PDB file of N, CA and C in Angstrom:
ATOM      1  N   ILE A   1      -8.281  -4.466 -14.317  1.00  0.00           N
ATOM      2  CA  ILE A   1      -7.060  -4.631 -13.441  1.00  0.00           C
ATOM      3  C   ILE A   1      -5.990  -4.032 -14.083  1.00  0.00           C
ATOM      4  N   SER A   2      -5.293  -3.150 -13.238  1.00  0.00           N
ATOM      5  CA  SER A   2      -4.356  -2.105 -14.145  1.00  0.00           C
ATOM      6  C   SER A   2      -3.447  -2.919 -13.667  1.00  0.00           C
ATOM      7  N   GLN A   3      -2.153  -2.604 -14.486  1.00  0.00           N
ATOM      8  CA  GLN A   3      -0.472  -3.391 -14.053  1.00  0.00           C
ATOM      9  C   GLN A   3      -0.283  -2.517 -12.782  1.00  0.00           C
ATOM     10  N   ALA A   4       0.321  -3.454 -12.230  1.00  0.00           N
ATOM     11  CA  ALA A   4       0.994  -3.070 -10.447  1.00  0.00           C
ATOM     12  C   ALA A   4       2.120  -2.089 -10.896  1.00  0.00           C
ATOM     13  N   ALA A   5       2.107  -1.493  -9.730  1.00  0.00           N
ATOM     14  CA  ALA A   5       3.362  -0.407  -9.643  1.00  0.00           C
ATOM     15  C   ALA A   5       4.536  -1.988  -9.026  1.00  0.00           C
ATOM     16  N   ALA A   6       4.925  -2.317  -9.992  1.00  0.00           N
ATOM     17  CA  ALA A   6       6.051  -3.579  -9.796  1.00  0.00           C
ATOM     18  C   ALA A   6       7.012  -3.507 -10.767  1.00  0.00           C
ATOM     19  N   PHE A   7       8.129  -3.192 -10.351  1.00  0.00           N
ATOM     20  CA  PHE A   7       9.780  -3.269 -10.820  1.00  0.00           C
ATOM     21  C   PHE A   7      10.729  -4.282 -10.695  1.00  0.00           C
ATOM     22  N   HIS A   8      11.386  -4.295 -12.008  1.00  0.00           N
ATOM     23  CA  HIS A   8      12.539  -5.593 -11.912  1.00  0.00           C
ATOM     24  C   HIS A   8      13.585  -4.776 -10.818  1.00  0.00           C
ATOM     25  N   THR A   9      14.114  -5.259  -9.963  1.00  0.00           N
ATOM     26  CA  THR A   9      15.005  -4.519  -9.106  1.00  0.00           C
ATOM     27  C   THR A   9      15.887  -3.797  -9.200  1.00  0.00           C
ATOM     28  N   ASN A  10      15.952  -2.340  -8.657  1.00  0.00           N
ATOM     29  CA  ASN A  10      16.712  -1.265  -8.891  1.00  0.00           C
ATOM     30  C   ASN A  10      16.722  -1.096 -10.481  1.00  0.00           C
ATOM     31  N   THR A  11      16.087  -1.275 -11.488  1.00  0.00           N
ATOM     32  CA  THR A  11      15.629  -0.621 -12.903  1.00  0.00           C
ATOM     33  C   THR A  11      14.812  -0.058 -13.338  1.00  0.00           C
ATOM     34  N   GLY A  12      13.807   0.262 -12.266  1.00  0.00           N
ATOM     35  CA  GLY A  12      13.281   1.081 -13.016  1.00  0.00           C
ATOM     36  C   GLY A  12      11.842   0.621 -13.732  1.00  0.00           C
ATOM     37  N   VAL A  13      12.189  -0.413 -14.364  1.00  0.00           N
ATOM     38  CA  VAL A  13      11.417  -1.060 -15.779  1.00  0.00           C
ATOM     39  C   VAL A  13      10.756  -2.016 -14.931  1.00  0.00           C
ATOM     40  N   PRO A  14       8.989  -1.422 -15.696  1.00  0.00           N
ATOM     41  CA  PRO A  14       8.017  -2.671 -14.694  1.00  0.00           C
ATOM     42  C   PRO A  14       8.016  -3.904 -15.624  1.00  0.00           C
ATOM     43  N   ALA A  15       7.371  -4.571 -14.520  1.00  0.00           N
ATOM     44  CA  ALA A  15       7.168  -6.155 -14.783  1.00  0.00           C
ATOM     45  C   ALA A  15       6.194  -6.350 -15.419  1.00  0.00           C
ATOM     46  N   ASP A  16       6.017  -5.947 -16.622  1.00  0.00           N
ATOM     47  CA  ASP A  16       4.810  -5.715 -17.936  1.00  0.00           C
ATOM     48  C   ASP A  16       5.117  -6.681 -18.843  1.00  0.00           C
ATOM     49  N   GLN A  17       4.046  -6.486 -19.948  1.00  0.00           N
ATOM     50  CA  GLN A  17       4.213  -7.528 -21.073  1.00  0.00           C
ATOM     51  C   GLN A  17       5.204  -7.719 -22.251  1.00  0.00           C
ATOM     52  N   ALA A  18       6.149  -6.160 -21.941  1.00  0.00           N
ATOM     53  CA  ALA A  18       7.294  -6.097 -22.811  1.00  0.00           C
ATOM     54  C   ALA A  18       8.507  -6.579 -21.660  1.00  0.00           C
ATOM     55  N   HIS A  19       8.512  -6.441 -20.621  1.00  0.00           N
ATOM     56  CA  HIS A  19       9.217  -7.101 -19.674  1.00  0.00           C
ATOM     57  C   HIS A  19       8.686  -8.268 -18.613  1.00  0.00           C
ATOM     58  N   PRO A  20       8.642  -9.178 -18.421  1.00  0.00           N
ATOM     59  CA  PRO A  20       8.119  -9.730 -18.086  1.00  0.00           C
ATOM     60  C   PRO A  20       8.853 -10.424 -16.939  1.00  0.00           C
ATOM     61  N   ALA A  21       8.718 -10.726 -15.516  1.00  0.00           N
ATOM     62  CA  ALA A  21       9.221 -11.166 -14.558  1.00  0.00           C
ATOM     63  C   ALA A  21       9.577 -12.671 -14.426  1.00  0.00           C
ATOM     64  N   ALA A  22      11.113 -13.437 -13.994  1.00  0.00           N
ATOM     65  CA  ALA A  22      10.931 -14.610 -13.960  1.00  0.00           C
ATOM     66  C   ALA A  22      10.967 -15.004 -12.456  1.00  0.00           C
ATOM     67  N   ALA A  23      10.739 -16.500 -12.304  1.00  0.00           N
ATOM     68  CA  ALA A  23      10.592 -17.104 -11.256  1.00  0.00           C
ATOM     69  C   ALA A  23      11.659 -16.794 -10.497  1.00  0.00           C
ATOM     70  N   GLY A  24      11.923 -16.425  -9.460  1.00  0.00           N
ATOM     71  CA  GLY A  24      13.177 -16.780  -8.404  1.00  0.00           C
ATOM     72  C   GLY A  24      13.659 -15.227  -8.467  1.00  0.00           C
ATOM     73  N   GLU A  25      12.806 -14.304  -9.703  1.00  0.00           N
ATOM     74  CA  GLU A  25      13.490 -12.808  -9.238  1.00  0.00           C
ATOM     75  C   GLU A  25      12.563 -12.000  -8.406  1.00  0.00           C
ATOM     76  N   VAL A  26      13.590 -11.180  -7.711  1.00  0.00           N
ATOM     77  CA  VAL A  26      13.239 -10.265  -6.803  1.00  0.00           C
ATOM     78  C   VAL A  26      12.728  -8.830  -7.285  1.00  0.00           C
ATOM     79  N   LEU A  27      11.096  -8.836  -7.403  1.00  0.00           N
ATOM     80  CA  LEU A  27      10.442  -7.376  -7.495  1.00  0.00           C
ATOM     81  C   LEU A  27      10.269  -6.141  -6.603  1.00  0.00           C
ATOM     82  N   GLU A  28      10.405  -5.156  -6.782  1.00  0.00           N
ATOM     83  CA  GLU A  28      10.021  -3.936  -6.240  1.00  0.00           C
ATOM     84  C   GLU A  28       8.776  -3.803  -6.368  1.00  0.00           C
ATOM     85  N   ILE A  29       7.947  -3.840  -5.299  1.00  0.00           N
ATOM     86  CA  ILE A  29       6.119  -3.376  -5.391  1.00  0.00           C
ATOM     87  C   ILE A  29       6.363  -2.436  -4.067  1.00  0.00           C
ATOM     88  N   TYR A  30       5.256  -1.249  -5.287  1.00  0.00           N
ATOM     89  CA  TYR A  30       4.930  -0.115  -4.036  1.00  0.00           C
ATOM     90  C   TYR A  30       3.226   0.008  -4.395  1.00  0.00           C
ATOM     91  N   GLY A  31       3.295   0.563  -3.041  1.00  0.00           N
ATOM     92  CA  GLY A  31       1.798   1.042  -2.451  1.00  0.00           C
ATOM     93  C   GLY A  31       1.239   1.527  -1.411  1.00  0.00           C
ATOM     94  N   THR A  32       0.285   1.553  -0.979  1.00  0.00           N
ATOM     95  CA  THR A  32       0.085   2.142   0.491  1.00  0.00           C
ATOM     96  C   THR A  32      -0.428   1.116   1.428  1.00  0.00           C
ATOM     97  N   GLY A  33      -0.967   1.618   2.575  1.00  0.00           N
ATOM     98  CA  GLY A  33      -1.780   1.116   3.566  1.00  0.00           C
ATOM     99  C   GLY A  33      -1.018   0.018   4.445  1.00  0.00           C
ATOM    100  N   LEU A  34       0.282  -0.015   4.351  1.00  0.00           N
ATOM    101  CA  LEU A  34       1.074  -1.210   5.412  1.00  0.00           C
ATOM    102  C   LEU A  34       1.192  -0.911   6.941  1.00  0.00           C
ATOM    103  N   GLY A  35       0.762   0.028   7.284  1.00  0.00           N
ATOM    104  CA  GLY A  35       0.406   0.452   9.017  1.00  0.00           C
ATOM    105  C   GLY A  35       1.924   0.869   9.192  1.00  0.00           C
ATOM    106  N   GLN A  36       2.065   0.926  10.757  1.00  0.00           N
ATOM    107  CA  GLN A  36       3.147   1.596  11.547  1.00  0.00           C
ATOM    108  C   GLN A  36       4.311   0.747  11.083  1.00  0.00           C
ATOM    109  N   THR A  37       5.531   1.561  11.407  1.00  0.00           N
ATOM    110  CA  THR A  37       6.613   1.081  10.834  1.00  0.00           C
ATOM    111  C   THR A  37       7.890   1.022  12.040  1.00  0.00           C
ATOM    112  N   ALA A  38       9.062   0.793  11.816  1.00  0.00           N
ATOM    113  CA  ALA A  38       9.858   1.269  13.272  1.00  0.00           C
ATOM    114  C   ALA A  38      11.395   1.632  12.294  1.00  0.00           C
ATOM    115  N   PRO A  39      11.702   2.654  12.352  1.00  0.00           N
ATOM    116  CA  PRO A  39      11.166   3.536  13.416  1.00  0.00           C
ATOM    117  C   PRO A  39       9.663   4.231  13.020  1.00  0.00           C
ATOM    118  N   PHE A  40       9.078   4.631  13.754  1.00  0.00           N
ATOM    119  CA  PHE A  40       7.684   5.213  13.680  1.00  0.00           C
ATOM    120  C   PHE A  40       8.094   6.369  12.908  1.00  0.00           C
ATOM    121  N   VAL A  41       7.183   6.649  12.264  1.00  0.00           N
ATOM    122  CA  VAL A  41       7.007   7.597  10.666  1.00  0.00           C
ATOM    123  C   VAL A  41       6.309   8.467  10.793  1.00  0.00           C
ATOM    124  N   ALA A  42       5.834   9.536  10.963  1.00  0.00           N
ATOM    125  CA  ALA A  42       4.258  10.310  11.200  1.00  0.00           C
ATOM    126  C   ALA A  42       4.040  10.844   9.977  1.00  0.00           C
ATOM    127  N   ALA A  43       2.377  10.522   9.886  1.00  0.00           N
ATOM    128  CA  ALA A  43       1.838  10.751   8.054  1.00  0.00           C
ATOM    129  C   ALA A  43       2.615  12.262   7.849  1.00  0.00           C
ATOM    130  N   GLY A  44       2.417  11.997   6.411  1.00  0.00           N
ATOM    131  CA  GLY A  44       2.941  13.002   5.661  1.00  0.00           C
ATOM    132  C   GLY A  44       4.434  13.662   5.867  1.00  0.00           C
ATOM    133  N   ILE A  45       5.500  12.988   6.616  1.00  0.00           N
ATOM    134  CA  ILE A  45       6.369  12.887   7.013  1.00  0.00           C
ATOM    135  C   ILE A  45       7.471  12.284   6.114  1.00  0.00           C
ATOM    136  N   ALA A  46       8.552  12.499   4.982  1.00  0.00           N
ATOM    137  CA  ALA A  46       9.501  11.970   4.688  1.00  0.00           C
ATOM    138  C   ALA A  46      10.011  10.429   5.156  1.00  0.00           C
ATOM    139  N   ALA A  47      10.047   9.557   4.824  1.00  0.00           N
ATOM    140  CA  ALA A  47      10.597   8.286   5.281  1.00  0.00           C
ATOM    141  C   ALA A  47      12.007   8.572   4.967  1.00  0.00           C
ATOM    142  N   PRO A  48      12.509   7.914   6.541  1.00  0.00           N
ATOM    143  CA  PRO A  48      14.126   8.183   6.351  1.00  0.00           C
ATOM    144  C   PRO A  48      14.992   6.877   5.852  1.00  0.00           C
ATOM    145  N   GLY A  49      16.249   7.126   5.760  1.00  0.00           N
ATOM    146  CA  GLY A  49      16.803   6.269   5.042  1.00  0.00           C
ATOM    147  C   GLY A  49      18.501   6.531   4.980  1.00  0.00           C
ATOM    148  N   PRO A  50      19.543   5.847   5.168  1.00  0.00           N
ATOM    149  CA  PRO A  50      19.307   4.259   5.503  1.00  0.00           C
ATOM    150  C   PRO A  50      19.584   4.365   6.763  1.00  0.00           C
ATOM    151  N   PRO A  51      19.256   4.000   7.634  1.00  0.00           N
ATOM    152  CA  PRO A  51      18.745   2.669   6.888  1.00  0.00           C
ATOM    153  C   PRO A  51      16.970   2.628   7.269  1.00  0.00           C
ATOM    154  N   PRO A  52      16.142   2.248   6.015  1.00  0.00           N
ATOM    155  CA  PRO A  52      14.864   2.449   6.084  1.00  0.00           C
ATOM    156  C   PRO A  52      13.590   2.209   7.200  1.00  0.00           C
ATOM    157  N   ALA A  53      12.678   2.630   7.033  1.00  0.00           N
ATOM    158  CA  ALA A  53      11.676   2.259   8.333  1.00  0.00           C
ATOM    159  C   ALA A  53      10.808   1.161   7.781  1.00  0.00           C
ATOM    160  N   ARG A  54      10.907   0.113   8.322  1.00  0.00           N
ATOM    161  CA  ARG A  54      10.464  -1.402   8.234  1.00  0.00           C
ATOM    162  C   ARG A  54       8.944  -1.316   8.642  1.00  0.00           C
ATOM    163  N   THR A  55       8.306  -2.293   8.169  1.00  0.00           N
ATOM    164  CA  THR A  55       6.981  -2.460   8.401  1.00  0.00           C
ATOM    165  C   THR A  55       6.988  -3.176   9.844  1.00  0.00           C
ATOM    166  N   VAL A  56       6.067  -3.010  10.777  1.00  0.00           N
ATOM    167  CA  VAL A  56       5.956  -3.910  11.990  1.00  0.00           C
ATOM    168  C   VAL A  56       5.379  -4.943  11.919  1.00  0.00           C
ATOM    169  N   THR A  57       4.289  -5.288  10.780  1.00  0.00           N
ATOM    170  CA  THR A  57       4.210  -6.794  10.565  1.00  0.00           C
ATOM    171  C   THR A  57       4.419  -6.894   8.933  1.00  0.00           C
ATOM    172  N   THR A  58       5.090  -7.824   8.906  1.00  0.00           N
ATOM    173  CA  THR A  58       5.262  -8.276   7.172  1.00  0.00           C
ATOM    174  C   THR A  58       3.738  -8.634   6.078  1.00  0.00           C
ATOM    175  N   PRO A  59       4.154  -8.150   5.458  1.00  0.00           N
ATOM    176  CA  PRO A  59       2.878  -8.406   4.627  1.00  0.00           C
ATOM    177  C   PRO A  59       3.128  -9.794   3.998  1.00  0.00           C
ATOM    178  N   GLU A  60       1.706 -10.520   3.496  1.00  0.00           N
ATOM    179  CA  GLU A  60       1.747 -11.695   2.452  1.00  0.00           C
ATOM    180  C   GLU A  60       1.954 -10.996   1.288  1.00  0.00           C
ATOM    181  N   VAL A  61       2.396 -11.319   0.639  1.00  0.00           N
ATOM    182  CA  VAL A  61       2.099 -11.066  -0.916  1.00  0.00           C
ATOM    183  C   VAL A  61       1.870 -12.158  -1.631  1.00  0.00           C
ATOM    184  N   LEU A  62       0.838 -12.387  -2.270  1.00  0.00           N
ATOM    185  CA  LEU A  62       0.258 -13.023  -3.379  1.00  0.00           C
ATOM    186  C   LEU A  62       0.598 -12.680  -5.039  1.00  0.00           C
ATOM    187  N   ILE A  63       1.111 -13.850  -5.566  1.00  0.00           N
ATOM    188  CA  ILE A  63       1.289 -13.755  -7.206  1.00  0.00           C
ATOM    189  C   ILE A  63       1.242 -14.498  -7.684  1.00  0.00           C
ATOM    190  N   GLY A  64      -0.060 -14.473  -8.620  1.00  0.00           N
ATOM    191  CA  GLY A  64      -0.851 -15.694  -9.018  1.00  0.00           C
ATOM    192  C   GLY A  64      -1.365 -16.303  -8.012  1.00  0.00           C
ATOM    193  N   ASN A  65      -1.919 -16.171  -6.842  1.00  0.00           N
ATOM    194  CA  ASN A  65      -2.958 -16.202  -5.819  1.00  0.00           C
ATOM    195  C   ASN A  65      -1.229 -17.695  -5.157  1.00  0.00           C
ATOM    196  N   ILE A  66      -0.002 -17.442  -5.145  1.00  0.00           N
ATOM    197  CA  ILE A  66       0.635 -18.224  -4.799  1.00  0.00           C
ATOM    198  C   ILE A  66       1.211 -17.364  -3.437  1.00  0.00           C
ATOM    199  N   SER A  67       1.875 -17.671  -2.721  1.00  0.00           N
ATOM    200  CA  SER A  67       2.301 -16.917  -1.656  1.00  0.00           C
ATOM    201  C   SER A  67       3.944 -16.832  -2.082  1.00  0.00           C
ATOM    202  N   ALA A  68       4.461 -15.226  -2.003  1.00  0.00           N
ATOM    203  CA  ALA A  68       5.719 -15.162  -2.605  1.00  0.00           C
ATOM    204  C   ALA A  68       6.804 -14.661  -1.342  1.00  0.00           C
ATOM    205  N   GLN A  69       8.059 -14.616  -1.254  1.00  0.00           N
ATOM    206  CA  GLN A  69       8.401 -14.527  -0.102  1.00  0.00           C
ATOM    207  C   GLN A  69       8.919 -13.394   0.123  1.00  0.00           C
ATOM    208  N   VAL A  70       9.007 -12.699   0.724  1.00  0.00           N
ATOM    209  CA  VAL A  70       8.880 -11.239   1.529  1.00  0.00           C
ATOM    210  C   VAL A  70      10.711 -11.198   1.815  1.00  0.00           C
ATOM    211  N   THR A  71      11.645  -9.974   1.172  1.00  0.00           N
ATOM    212  CA  THR A  71      12.698  -9.996   1.635  1.00  0.00           C
ATOM    213  C   THR A  71      12.552  -8.907   2.038  1.00  0.00           C
ATOM    214  N   PHE A  72      11.987  -7.394   1.805  1.00  0.00           N
ATOM    215  CA  PHE A  72      11.922  -6.115   2.565  1.00  0.00           C
ATOM    216  C   PHE A  72      10.621  -5.760   2.718  1.00  0.00           C
ATOM    217  N   ALA A  73      10.042  -4.935   3.702  1.00  0.00           N
ATOM    218  CA  ALA A  73       8.780  -4.260   3.218  1.00  0.00           C
ATOM    219  C   ALA A  73       8.919  -2.681   4.470  1.00  0.00           C
ATOM    220  N   GLY A  74       8.828  -1.800   4.147  1.00  0.00           N
ATOM    221  CA  GLY A  74       9.103  -0.900   4.609  1.00  0.00           C
ATOM    222  C   GLY A  74       8.426   0.544   3.862  1.00  0.00           C
ATOM    223  N   LEU A  75       8.866   1.707   4.365  1.00  0.00           N
ATOM    224  CA  LEU A  75       8.328   2.656   3.325  1.00  0.00           C
ATOM    225  C   LEU A  75       9.787   3.276   2.912  1.00  0.00           C
ATOM    226  N   THR A  76       9.190   3.744   1.711  1.00  0.00           N
ATOM    227  CA  THR A  76      10.017   4.039   0.582  1.00  0.00           C
ATOM    228  C   THR A  76      11.122   5.812   0.890  1.00  0.00           C
ATOM    229  N   PRO A  77      12.037   5.466   1.462  1.00  0.00           N
ATOM    230  CA  PRO A  77      12.939   6.389   1.833  1.00  0.00           C
ATOM    231  C   PRO A  77      12.924   7.650   1.137  1.00  0.00           C
ATOM    232  N   GLY A  78      12.954   9.108   1.606  1.00  0.00           N
ATOM    233  CA  GLY A  78      12.282   9.963   0.968  1.00  0.00           C
ATOM    234  C   GLY A  78      11.110  10.452   0.559  1.00  0.00           C
ATOM    235  N   PHE A  79      10.451   9.337   0.189  1.00  0.00           N
ATOM    236  CA  PHE A  79       8.701   9.639   0.162  1.00  0.00           C
ATOM    237  C   PHE A  79       8.238   9.821   1.527  1.00  0.00           C
ATOM    238  N   ALA A  80       6.673  10.163   1.106  1.00  0.00           N
ATOM    239  CA  ALA A  80       5.565   9.985   2.593  1.00  0.00           C
ATOM    240  C   ALA A  80       4.559   9.416   2.255  1.00  0.00           C
ATOM    241  N   GLY A  81       4.403   7.962   3.010  1.00  0.00           N
ATOM    242  CA  GLY A  81       3.465   7.262   2.827  1.00  0.00           C
ATOM    243  C   GLY A  81       3.758   6.478   2.175  1.00  0.00           C
ATOM    244  N   LEU A  82       4.808   5.910   1.179  1.00  0.00           N
ATOM    245  CA  LEU A  82       4.951   5.138   0.037  1.00  0.00           C
ATOM    246  C   LEU A  82       5.721   3.925   0.328  1.00  0.00           C
ATOM    247  N   TYR A  83       5.074   2.492   0.320  1.00  0.00           N
ATOM    248  CA  TYR A  83       5.679   1.556   1.079  1.00  0.00           C
ATOM    249  C   TYR A  83       5.987   0.739   0.010  1.00  0.00           C
ATOM    250  N   GLN A  84       7.420   0.037  -0.127  1.00  0.00           N
ATOM    251  CA  GLN A  84       7.840  -0.618  -1.016  1.00  0.00           C
ATOM    252  C   GLN A  84       8.241  -2.131  -0.356  1.00  0.00           C
ATOM    253  N   VAL A  85       7.779  -3.177  -0.786  1.00  0.00           N
ATOM    254  CA  VAL A  85       7.809  -4.745  -0.831  1.00  0.00           C
ATOM    255  C   VAL A  85       8.226  -4.990  -1.695  1.00  0.00           C
ATOM    256  N   ASN A  86       9.549  -5.693  -1.222  1.00  0.00           N
ATOM    257  CA  ASN A  86      10.464  -6.775  -2.490  1.00  0.00           C
ATOM    258  C   ASN A  86      10.035  -8.225  -1.788  1.00  0.00           C
ATOM    259  N   ALA A  87       9.835  -8.953  -2.883  1.00  0.00           N
ATOM    260  CA  ALA A  87       8.937 -10.143  -2.804  1.00  0.00           C
ATOM    261  C   ALA A  87       9.816 -10.861  -4.274  1.00  0.00           C
ATOM    262  N   VAL A  88       9.751 -12.274  -4.184  1.00  0.00           N
ATOM    263  CA  VAL A  88      10.451 -13.287  -5.058  1.00  0.00           C
ATOM    264  C   VAL A  88       9.245 -13.767  -5.791  1.00  0.00           C
ATOM    265  N   VAL A  89       9.663 -13.619  -7.478  1.00  0.00           N
ATOM    266  CA  VAL A  89       8.114 -14.328  -8.039  1.00  0.00           C
ATOM    267  C   VAL A  89       8.522 -15.698  -7.417  1.00  0.00           C
ATOM    268  N   PRO A  90       7.343 -16.662  -7.259  1.00  0.00           N
ATOM    269  CA  PRO A  90       7.246 -17.911  -6.811  1.00  0.00           C
ATOM    270  C   PRO A  90       7.728 -18.808  -7.996  1.00  0.00           C
ATOM    271  N   ALA A  91       7.778 -19.664  -8.087  1.00  0.00           N
ATOM    272  CA  ALA A  91       7.998 -20.846  -9.205  1.00  0.00           C
ATOM    273  C   ALA A  91       6.672 -21.665  -9.397  1.00  0.00           C
ATOM    274  N   GLY A  92       6.287 -21.928 -10.657  1.00  0.00           N
ATOM    275  CA  GLY A  92       5.290 -22.843 -10.920  1.00  0.00           C
ATOM    276  C   GLY A  92       4.169 -21.854 -11.520  1.00  0.00           C
ATOM    277  N   LEU A  93       4.030 -20.398 -11.832  1.00  0.00           N
ATOM    278  CA  LEU A  93       3.146 -19.467 -12.193  1.00  0.00           C
ATOM    279  C   LEU A  93       3.241 -20.197 -13.818  1.00  0.00           C
ATOM    280  N   ARG A  94       2.111 -19.845 -14.961  1.00  0.00           N
ATOM    281  CA  ARG A  94       1.610 -20.036 -15.795  1.00  0.00           C
ATOM    282  C   ARG A  94       2.257 -18.552 -16.625  1.00  0.00           C
ATOM    283  N   PRO A  95       2.611 -18.454 -17.875  1.00  0.00           N
ATOM    284  CA  PRO A  95       3.488 -17.463 -18.410  1.00  0.00           C
ATOM    285  C   PRO A  95       1.764 -16.475 -18.589  1.00  0.00           C
ATOM    286  N   GLY A  96       2.295 -15.343 -18.681  1.00  0.00           N
ATOM    287  CA  GLY A  96       1.484 -14.245 -18.838  1.00  0.00           C
ATOM    288  C   GLY A  96       0.721 -13.849 -17.571  1.00  0.00           C
ATOM    289  N   GLN A  97      -0.484 -12.467 -17.853  1.00  0.00           N
ATOM    290  CA  GLN A  97      -0.568 -11.585 -16.541  1.00  0.00           C
ATOM    291  C   GLN A  97      -1.033 -12.616 -15.571  1.00  0.00           C
ATOM    292  N   GLN A  98      -0.517 -11.881 -14.319  1.00  0.00           N
ATOM    293  CA  GLN A  98      -0.622 -12.786 -12.992  1.00  0.00           C
ATOM    294  C   GLN A  98      -1.047 -11.469 -12.191  1.00  0.00           C
ATOM    295  N   LEU A  99      -2.412 -12.042 -11.536  1.00  0.00           N
ATOM    296  CA  LEU A  99      -2.505 -10.737 -10.146  1.00  0.00           C
ATOM    297  C   LEU A  99      -1.402 -10.990  -9.460  1.00  0.00           C
ATOM    298  N   VAL A 100      -1.368  -9.563  -8.505  1.00  0.00           N
ATOM    299  CA  VAL A 100      -0.549  -9.167  -7.417  1.00  0.00           C
ATOM    300  C   VAL A 100      -1.614  -8.820  -6.267  1.00  0.00           C
ATOM    301  N   GLN A 101      -1.413  -9.034  -4.992  1.00  0.00           N
ATOM    302  CA  GLN A 101      -1.886  -8.577  -3.966  1.00  0.00           C
ATOM    303  C   GLN A 101      -0.842  -9.015  -2.824  1.00  0.00           C
ATOM    304  N   TRP A 102      -1.270  -7.819  -1.770  1.00  0.00           N
ATOM    305  CA  TRP A 102      -0.718  -8.061  -0.423  1.00  0.00           C
ATOM    306  C   TRP A 102      -1.649  -7.904   0.455  1.00  0.00           C
ATOM    307  N   ARG A 103      -1.339  -8.509   1.668  1.00  0.00           N
ATOM    308  CA  ARG A 103      -2.488  -8.270   2.596  1.00  0.00           C
ATOM    309  C   ARG A 103      -1.532  -8.303   4.183  1.00  0.00           C
ATOM    310  N   VAL A 104      -2.413  -7.424   5.352  1.00  0.00           N
ATOM    311  CA  VAL A 104      -1.659  -7.565   6.568  1.00  0.00           C
ATOM    312  C   VAL A 104      -2.997  -7.883   7.511  1.00  0.00           C
ATOM    313  N   GLY A 105      -3.324  -9.015   8.022  1.00  0.00           N
ATOM    314  CA  GLY A 105      -3.952  -9.914   8.639  1.00  0.00           C
ATOM    315  C   GLY A 105      -5.325  -9.628   7.595  1.00  0.00           C
ATOM    316  N   ALA A 106      -6.166  -9.181   8.364  1.00  0.00           N
ATOM    317  CA  ALA A 106      -7.304  -9.322   7.222  1.00  0.00           C
ATOM    318  C   ALA A 106      -7.912  -8.128   5.992  1.00  0.00           C
ATOM    319  N   THR A 107      -6.765  -7.683   6.254  1.00  0.00           N
ATOM    320  CA  THR A 107      -6.900  -6.391   5.366  1.00  0.00           C
ATOM    321  C   THR A 107      -6.028  -6.549   4.230  1.00  0.00           C
ATOM    322  N   SER A 108      -6.599  -6.626   2.960  1.00  0.00           N
ATOM    323  CA  SER A 108      -6.244  -6.779   1.435  1.00  0.00           C
ATOM    324  C   SER A 108      -6.308  -5.536   0.621  1.00  0.00           C
ATOM    325  N   SER A 109      -5.102  -5.415  -0.024  1.00  0.00           N
ATOM    326  CA  SER A 109      -4.934  -4.232  -1.259  1.00  0.00           C
ATOM    327  C   SER A 109      -5.992  -4.795  -2.514  1.00  0.00           C
ATOM    328  N   ASN A 110      -5.769  -3.523  -3.259  1.00  0.00           N
ATOM    329  CA  ASN A 110      -6.511  -3.997  -4.362  1.00  0.00           C
ATOM    330  C   ASN A 110      -5.717  -4.647  -5.358  1.00  0.00           C
ATOM    331  N   PHE A 111      -6.055  -5.538  -6.252  1.00  0.00           N
ATOM    332  CA  PHE A 111      -5.106  -6.252  -7.199  1.00  0.00           C
ATOM    333  C   PHE A 111      -4.735  -5.286  -8.304  1.00  0.00           C
ATOM    334  N   GLY A 112      -3.533  -6.001  -8.652  1.00  0.00           N
ATOM    335  CA  GLY A 112      -2.533  -5.254  -9.869  1.00  0.00           C
ATOM    336  C   GLY A 112      -2.165  -6.253 -10.588  1.00  0.00           C
ATOM    337  N   THR A 113      -1.655  -6.696 -11.883  1.00  0.00           N
ATOM    338  CA  THR A 113      -1.136  -7.193 -12.252  1.00  0.00           C
ATOM    339  C   THR A 113       0.503  -7.229 -12.743  1.00  0.00           C
ATOM    340  N   ILE A 114       1.062  -8.323 -13.017  1.00  0.00           N
ATOM    341  CA  ILE A 114       2.561  -8.203 -13.222  1.00  0.00           C
ATOM    342  C   ILE A 114       2.387  -8.909 -14.549  1.00  0.00           C
ATOM    343  N   ALA A 115       3.536  -8.999 -15.777  1.00  0.00           N
ATOM    344  CA  ALA A 115       3.667 -10.256 -16.649  1.00  0.00           C
ATOM    345  C   ALA A 115       4.817 -11.230 -16.368  1.00  0.00           C
ATOM    346  N   VAL A 116       4.626 -12.384 -16.112  1.00  0.00           N
ATOM    347  CA  VAL A 116       5.617 -13.528 -16.019  1.00  0.00           C
ATOM    348  C   VAL A 116       6.272 -14.348 -16.884  1.00  0.00           C
ATOM    349  N   LYS A 117       7.527 -14.309 -17.100  1.00  0.00           N
ATOM    350  CA  LYS A 117       7.884 -15.445 -18.312  1.00  0.00           C
ATOM    351  C   LYS A 117       8.019 -17.268 -18.038  1.00  0.00           C
TER     352      LYS A 117
END
C-alpha cells in the first residue's frame, strides 16, 4: 500500500514517516471519484474557485479505521477531476503508519497510508 496523497494543510508537505500528522490536525487528502458537485463541473473542465465546487455528498474518511471529521470535500480549483478532502486526524491512533480511505455510500477508494505521531 502506497503513501496517500495527504498533506499538512497549506504546506505541500506529505504526512509521511519524516513528517507525521498529529491528532486534531487537518490534512488535505487528494484523489478522484467523489461524484457530482455543486456547482456542477463537467468532466475534463478545470474546477472553479473561489468559491470551490463542493461535493453533493460528503464522503466518510477513515484514518486507521476510525471515522475522521470532514471539514471540506470538493474539486480542487484549477484542476480537472481532482478532489480535495480536508479531514481531522482522529485521536486514539497508535503512532506509525495508518490506513486512509474514503467512501461514499457503498463505493470505497483504494487504501493509502499516512504516518501519525
